[in-house]
Amino acid sequence: MRLLPAAATVVLVILMLASLLIGVAQVDLLAAWRDPYAMLVLMESRLPRTLAVLLTGAALSVAGVVIQSLVRNRFVGPDTSGTAEGAALGLLAITILVPGSPIWLRMIAASASAMVTTALFLAVIRRLPVREVMLVPIAGLVLSGVLGAIVTFVGWQADLMQYVGTWLMTGEFSGVIAGRYELLWIAGLAAALAWFAADRLAILSLGDQVATGLGLSTATVMRLGLTVVAVVTAMVVTTVGMIPFIGLVVPNLVARVMGDNLRASLPVVAVSGALLLLTCDLVARLAVYPFELPVGLILGILGGGIFLWLLHHRPAHG
């Protein structure tokens, strides 16, 4: 178990080098410093794409841990709680109301809308029977479906289906270049904030009564968690579209190996999420080379299989 973070990091570095090398244009990393064309390809396309994949995978995985702590249910993720659809709804609203809005205003609108819809999801599941654990993800899927339908209907009426398709369909990184992925650094910073609140999130996951008895301000931690999940999801949806399963399966896989110590497991969750998404991105780029598939398609197939495995196997830690 102690070797897991180091091993995952080594594999991640190897895949990062592979990501820099793979593409239609042939690039020699060792000679790039004296080849202007190779340097241009690396700095404008390959490196931004690799960083975007890493930031997206790490941030979404950490956001998955946070939302699972907030709802105290391991079968929930940012993409199954209405958060991603809420971010898309905010983007759609600001696009219609203020067509020429700057990127920072779109970011705020998407984050605020994602936070509201996540808070709505929390309010809904609070009314569900405590023993009916599987009703929580079902409620999230229903909310996601309703919000997704609203976004699609409004987008159709406003002739903005191209934007809606970009936000809600399977995410892909083919359009990522320098200057078009930097919002993901904000998602990475928001995910890093969760590590500083890891102990509080762990206590909150024990229940409101236990957390209050231990002197924790549950409302403050809840707001912090909502902010992290909303900002991460909004930045990802704004930049590359919806990425399925990553925030659902990675936290579960890491928890089965490392248990519920969030302080120790969150860095491993981040590295594992980046590793899984980068692997899927490389598969998507090589499957029909020199063309490529959306990474969300590969992750949807792989993540769906992992999720089914999680449903049918007991965790190693109680």
Protein backbone atom coordinates (compact mmCIF):
# COMPACT_ATOMS: atom_id res chain seq x y z
CA MET A 1 0.00 0.00 0.00
CA ARG A 2 2.86 2.40 0.80
CA LEU A 3 4.30 1.85 -2.68
CA LEU A 4 1.00 2.66 -4.40
CA PRO A 5 1.46 6.48 -4.63
CA ALA A 6 5.05 6.14 -5.88
CA ALA A 7 4.13 3.46 -8.43
CA ALA A 8 1.15 5.48 -9.70
CA THR A 9 3.32 8.59 -10.03
CA VAL A 10 5.99 6.73 -12.03
CA VAL A 11 3.37 5.32 -14.40
CA LEU A 12 1.82 8.77 -14.72
CA VAL A 13 5.16 10.33 -15.73
CA ILE A 14 5.66 7.63 -18.37
CA LEU A 15 2.19 8.27 -19.80
CA MET A 16 2.83 12.01 -19.80
CA LEU A 17 5.91 11.48 -21.97
CA ALA A 18 3.87 9.23 -24.25
CA SER A 19 1.18 11.93 -24.50
CA LEU A 20 3.79 14.47 -25.59
CA LEU A 21 5.04 12.10 -28.31
CA ILE A 22 1.77 10.79 -29.73
CA GLY A 23 0.16 12.73 -32.54
CA VAL A 24 0.08 13.15 -36.30
CA ALA A 25 3.09 15.47 -36.23
CA GLN A 26 6.32 13.64 -35.39
CA VAL A 27 8.16 15.31 -32.51
CA ASP A 28 11.58 14.46 -31.10
CA LEU A 29 11.59 15.58 -27.47
CA LEU A 30 15.38 15.51 -27.25
CA ALA A 31 15.81 17.73 -30.29
CA ALA A 32 12.79 19.97 -29.72
CA TRP A 33 14.85 22.77 -28.20
CA ARG A 34 16.63 23.35 -31.54
CA ASP A 35 13.64 22.62 -33.79
CA PRO A 36 11.21 25.60 -33.89
CA TYR A 37 8.41 23.52 -35.42
CA ALA A 38 8.68 20.75 -32.81
CA MET A 39 8.80 23.33 -30.01
CA LEU A 40 5.69 25.02 -31.43
CA VAL A 41 3.78 21.72 -31.49
CA LEU A 42 4.85 20.87 -27.95
CA MET A 43 4.14 24.24 -26.34
CA GLU A 44 0.95 25.11 -28.23
CA SER A 45 -0.74 21.70 -28.44
CA ARG A 46 0.83 18.64 -26.81
CA LEU A 47 1.79 20.14 -23.44
CA PRO A 48 -1.47 22.10 -22.94
CA ARG A 49 -3.48 19.00 -23.80
CA THR A 50 -1.50 16.81 -21.41
CA LEU A 51 -1.84 19.34 -18.60
CA ALA A 52 -5.56 19.72 -19.30
CA VAL A 53 -6.09 15.97 -19.03
CA LEU A 54 -4.10 15.77 -15.78
CA LEU A 55 -5.91 18.71 -14.18
CA THR A 56 -9.32 17.43 -15.25
CA GLY A 57 -8.78 13.89 -14.00
CA ALA A 58 -7.26 14.97 -10.68
CA ALA A 59 -9.80 17.72 -9.96
CA LEU A 60 -12.88 15.66 -10.85
CA SER A 61 -11.67 12.73 -8.76
CA VAL A 62 -11.17 14.95 -5.72
CA ALA A 63 -14.56 16.59 -6.33
CA GLY A 64 -16.03 13.09 -6.32
CA VAL A 65 -14.55 12.43 -2.86
CA VAL A 66 -15.95 15.74 -1.61
CA ILE A 67 -19.51 15.20 -2.84
CA GLN A 68 -19.50 11.63 -1.53
CA SER A 69 -18.53 13.01 1.89
CA LEU A 70 -21.29 15.63 1.73
CA VAL A 71 -24.04 13.13 0.87
CA ARG A 72 -22.47 10.20 2.76
CA ASN A 73 -22.94 7.90 -0.20
CA ARG A 74 -20.22 6.33 -2.36
CA PHE A 75 -22.38 5.91 -5.45
CA VAL A 76 -22.60 9.62 -6.27
CA GLY A 77 -20.33 11.79 -8.41
CA PRO A 78 -20.34 15.28 -9.92
CA ASP A 79 -21.80 13.85 -13.12
CA THR A 80 -24.65 11.96 -11.36
CA SER A 81 -25.90 14.67 -9.00
CA GLY A 82 -27.04 17.36 -11.42
CA THR A 83 -23.89 19.43 -10.86
CA ALA A 84 -22.61 19.22 -14.44
CA GLU A 85 -26.05 19.92 -15.90
CA GLY A 86 -26.38 22.85 -13.49
CA ALA A 87 -23.11 24.29 -14.76
CA ALA A 88 -24.33 23.89 -18.35
CA LEU A 89 -27.60 25.62 -17.42
CA GLY A 90 -25.67 28.58 -16.01
CA LEU A 91 -23.52 28.77 -19.14
CA LEU A 92 -26.61 28.64 -21.34
CA ALA A 93 -28.34 31.38 -19.34
CA ILE A 94 -25.38 33.77 -19.47
CA THR A 95 -24.88 33.05 -23.19
CA ILE A 96 -28.50 33.99 -23.93
CA LEU A 97 -28.73 36.98 -21.57
CA VAL A 98 -25.25 38.43 -22.15
CA PRO A 99 -23.99 37.05 -25.50
CA GLY A 100 -20.71 38.96 -25.40
CA SER A 101 -19.92 38.16 -21.78
CA PRO A 102 -16.23 37.69 -20.86
CA ILE A 103 -14.93 34.32 -19.77
CA TRP A 104 -14.77 35.30 -16.08
CA LEU A 105 -18.48 36.12 -16.07
CA ARG A 106 -19.31 32.79 -17.71
CA MET A 107 -17.15 31.07 -15.09
CA ILE A 108 -19.04 32.77 -12.25
CA ALA A 109 -22.43 31.95 -13.80
CA ALA A 110 -21.54 28.30 -14.32
CA SER A 111 -20.11 27.94 -10.80
CA ALA A 112 -23.09 29.63 -9.14
CA SER A 113 -25.58 27.54 -11.09
CA ALA A 114 -23.67 24.34 -10.32
CA MET A 115 -23.62 25.23 -6.62
CA VAL A 116 -27.37 25.87 -6.57
CA THR A 117 -28.20 22.58 -8.29
CA THR A 118 -25.86 20.64 -6.00
CA ALA A 119 -27.50 22.27 -2.97
CA LEU A 120 -30.88 21.30 -4.46
CA PHE A 121 -29.67 17.70 -4.77
CA LEU A 122 -28.57 17.71 -1.12
CA ALA A 123 -31.95 19.07 -0.07
CA VAL A 124 -33.74 16.35 -2.02
CA ILE A 125 -31.75 13.45 -0.58
CA ARG A 126 -32.20 14.74 2.98
CA ARG A 127 -35.85 13.79 2.60
CA LEU A 128 -35.11 10.24 1.50
CA PRO A 129 -35.25 7.28 3.94
CA VAL A 130 -31.82 6.83 5.55
CA ARG A 131 -31.79 3.08 4.96
CA GLU A 132 -32.55 3.35 1.23
CA VAL A 133 -28.96 3.96 0.16
CA MET A 134 -29.52 3.31 -3.53
CA LEU A 135 -32.24 5.95 -3.75
CA VAL A 136 -29.56 8.65 -3.48
CA PRO A 137 -27.83 7.99 -6.83
CA ILE A 138 -31.23 7.39 -8.44
CA ALA A 139 -32.40 10.81 -7.23
CA GLY A 140 -29.21 12.30 -8.65
CA LEU A 141 -29.77 10.66 -12.02
CA VAL A 142 -33.37 11.89 -12.12
CA LEU A 143 -32.27 15.44 -11.30
CA SER A 144 -29.52 15.24 -13.93
CA GLY A 145 -32.02 14.05 -16.50
CA VAL A 146 -34.50 16.83 -15.74
CA LEU A 147 -31.85 19.56 -15.83
CA GLY A 148 -30.32 18.08 -18.98
CA ALA A 149 -33.73 18.10 -20.66
CA ILE A 150 -34.26 21.75 -19.69
CA VAL A 151 -30.84 22.72 -21.07
CA THR A 152 -31.52 20.85 -24.32
CA PHE A 153 -34.98 22.36 -24.76
CA VAL A 154 -33.83 25.93 -24.10
CA GLY A 155 -30.74 25.42 -26.27
CA TRP A 156 -32.94 24.14 -29.10
CA GLN A 157 -35.28 27.11 -28.85
CA ALA A 158 -32.38 29.56 -28.78
CA ASP A 159 -30.52 27.81 -31.63
CA LEU A 160 -27.58 27.07 -29.35
CA MET A 161 -27.47 23.28 -29.67
CA GLN A 162 -23.85 23.36 -30.79
CA TYR A 163 -22.88 24.88 -27.44
CA VAL A 164 -25.14 22.49 -25.54
CA GLY A 165 -23.59 19.54 -27.32
CA THR A 166 -20.12 20.74 -26.36
CA TRP A 167 -21.06 21.09 -22.68
CA LEU A 168 -23.20 18.00 -22.16
CA MET A 169 -21.87 15.40 -24.57
CA THR A 170 -18.85 13.20 -23.92
CA GLY A 171 -15.83 15.37 -23.19
CA GLU A 172 -12.85 15.49 -25.50
CA PHE A 173 -9.51 17.26 -25.55
CA SER A 174 -8.77 17.55 -29.26
CA GLY A 175 -9.51 21.28 -29.24
CA VAL A 176 -7.29 22.07 -26.26
CA ILE A 177 -4.45 24.43 -27.12
CA ALA A 178 -2.51 27.08 -25.23
CA GLY A 179 -4.91 29.82 -24.17
CA ARG A 180 -7.95 27.51 -24.10
CA TYR A 181 -7.39 25.35 -21.05
CA GLU A 182 -6.15 27.72 -18.34
CA LEU A 183 -9.49 27.70 -16.48
CA LEU A 184 -8.62 24.16 -15.43
CA TRP A 185 -5.90 25.56 -13.17
CA ILE A 186 -8.72 27.11 -11.15
CA ALA A 187 -10.30 23.66 -10.89
CA GLY A 188 -6.96 22.28 -9.71
CA LEU A 189 -6.68 24.98 -7.03
CA ALA A 190 -10.24 24.28 -5.86
CA ALA A 191 -9.44 20.58 -5.59
CA ALA A 192 -6.27 21.39 -3.63
CA LEU A 193 -8.43 23.35 -1.18
CA ALA A 194 -10.24 20.10 -0.36
CA TRP A 195 -6.99 18.60 0.97
CA PHE A 196 -6.69 21.34 3.59
CA ALA A 197 -10.26 20.56 4.71
CA ALA A 198 -9.82 16.78 4.50
CA ASP A 199 -10.19 16.14 8.24
CA ARG A 200 -13.35 18.26 8.43
CA LEU A 201 -14.86 16.50 5.43
CA ALA A 202 -14.08 13.13 7.01
CA ILE A 203 -15.84 14.16 10.21
CA LEU A 204 -18.81 15.53 8.26
CA SER A 205 -19.19 12.19 6.49
CA LEU A 206 -19.93 10.59 9.91
CA GLY A 207 -23.20 12.51 10.13
CA ASP A 208 -24.42 15.93 11.23
CA GLN A 209 -25.01 14.92 14.85
CA VAL A 210 -21.57 13.38 15.28
CA ALA A 211 -19.90 16.32 13.55
CA THR A 212 -21.75 18.86 15.69
CA GLY A 213 -20.91 16.88 18.83
CA LEU A 214 -17.23 17.11 17.89
CA GLY A 215 -17.51 20.89 17.60
CA LEU A 216 -17.53 21.08 13.80
CA SER A 217 -19.49 23.81 12.02
CA THR A 218 -21.33 21.60 9.56
CA ALA A 219 -22.77 24.56 7.62
CA THR A 220 -19.30 26.01 7.00
CA VAL A 221 -17.85 22.71 5.81
CA MET A 222 -20.94 22.10 3.67
CA ARG A 223 -20.49 25.47 1.96
CA LEU A 224 -16.80 24.76 1.39
CA GLY A 225 -17.56 21.37 -0.10
CA LEU A 226 -20.27 22.79 -2.35
CA THR A 227 -17.87 25.45 -3.57
CA VAL A 228 -15.16 22.92 -4.42
CA VAL A 229 -17.55 20.62 -6.30
CA ALA A 230 -19.26 23.48 -8.14
CA VAL A 231 -16.07 25.26 -9.22
CA VAL A 232 -14.33 22.08 -10.37
CA THR A 233 -17.35 20.88 -12.35
CA ALA A 234 -18.04 24.29 -13.87
CA MET A 235 -14.45 24.73 -15.04
CA VAL A 236 -14.37 21.26 -16.60
CA VAL A 237 -17.74 21.63 -18.35
CA THR A 238 -16.76 25.09 -19.61
CA THR A 239 -13.42 23.91 -21.00
CA VAL A 240 -13.80 20.32 -22.26
CA GLY A 241 -17.40 19.28 -21.63
CA MET A 242 -18.80 16.61 -19.35
CA ILE A 243 -16.44 13.79 -18.34
CA PRO A 244 -18.36 10.74 -17.05
CA PHE A 245 -17.57 8.33 -14.20
CA ILE A 246 -14.15 9.71 -13.20
CA GLY A 247 -15.46 11.34 -10.02
CA LEU A 248 -17.45 8.24 -9.18
CA VAL A 249 -15.17 5.26 -9.67
CA VAL A 250 -11.73 6.63 -8.72
CA PRO A 251 -12.66 7.56 -5.11
CA ASN A 252 -14.23 4.13 -4.63
CA LEU A 253 -11.22 2.27 -6.01
CA VAL A 254 -8.77 4.20 -3.83
CA ALA A 255 -10.97 3.83 -0.74
CA ARG A 256 -10.97 0.05 -1.15
CA VAL A 257 -7.19 0.06 -0.96
CA MET A 258 -6.46 2.89 1.49
CA GLY A 259 -9.62 3.13 3.57
CA ASP A 260 -11.33 6.36 4.63
CA ASN A 261 -8.33 8.44 5.73
CA LEU A 262 -8.98 11.42 3.44
CA ARG A 263 -5.81 13.25 4.45
CA ALA A 264 -3.70 10.33 3.18
CA SER A 265 -5.88 9.21 0.29
CA LEU A 266 -6.74 12.51 -1.44
CA PRO A 267 -3.31 12.87 -3.13
CA VAL A 268 -3.60 9.25 -4.32
CA VAL A 269 -7.12 9.96 -5.58
CA ALA A 270 -5.82 12.95 -7.55
CA VAL A 271 -2.92 11.00 -9.09
CA SER A 272 -5.16 8.00 -9.86
CA GLY A 273 -7.78 10.21 -11.51
CA ALA A 274 -5.15 11.87 -13.67
CA LEU A 275 -3.68 8.47 -14.53
CA LEU A 276 -7.03 6.96 -15.51
CA LEU A 277 -8.08 9.90 -17.66
CA LEU A 278 -4.69 10.16 -19.36
CA THR A 279 -4.82 6.44 -20.14
CA CYS A 280 -8.27 6.83 -21.69
CA ASP A 281 -7.08 9.87 -23.65
CA LEU A 282 -4.17 7.90 -25.11
CA VAL A 283 -6.49 5.04 -26.05
CA ALA A 284 -8.86 7.52 -27.70
CA ARG A 285 -5.99 8.99 -29.71
CA LEU A 286 -4.62 5.62 -30.82
CA ALA A 287 -7.81 3.61 -31.43
CA VAL A 288 -8.49 5.08 -34.90
CA TYR A 289 -5.15 6.80 -35.48
CA PRO A 290 -4.54 9.29 -37.07
CA PHE A 291 -8.08 10.29 -36.09
CA GLU A 292 -9.30 10.18 -32.51
CA LEU A 293 -12.37 9.38 -30.45
CA PRO A 294 -13.85 11.51 -27.65
CA VAL A 295 -12.15 10.53 -24.41
CA GLY A 296 -15.55 10.50 -22.71
CA LEU A 297 -16.55 7.60 -24.95
CA ILE A 298 -13.61 5.47 -23.80
CA LEU A 299 -14.09 6.49 -20.18
CA GLY A 300 -17.81 5.80 -20.38
CA ILE A 301 -17.19 2.21 -21.45
CA LEU A 302 -14.38 1.60 -18.95
CA GLY A 303 -16.06 3.53 -16.14
CA GLY A 304 -19.33 1.72 -16.65
CA GLY A 305 -17.57 -1.63 -16.29
CA ILE A 306 -15.76 -0.50 -13.15
CA PHE A 307 -18.99 0.83 -11.67
CA LEU A 308 -20.75 -2.49 -12.23
CA TRP A 309 -17.82 -4.25 -10.55
CA LEU A 310 -18.08 -1.89 -7.58
CA LEU A 311 -21.79 -2.66 -7.23
CA HIS A 312 -21.19 -6.40 -7.03
CA HIS A 313 -18.11 -6.57 -4.78
CA ARG A 314 -17.88 -5.73 -1.13
CA PRO A 315 -15.27 -3.15 -0.15
CA ALA A 316 -12.20 -4.28 1.73
CA HIS A 317 -12.77 -1.59 4.38
CA GLY A 318 -16.00 -1.12 6.22
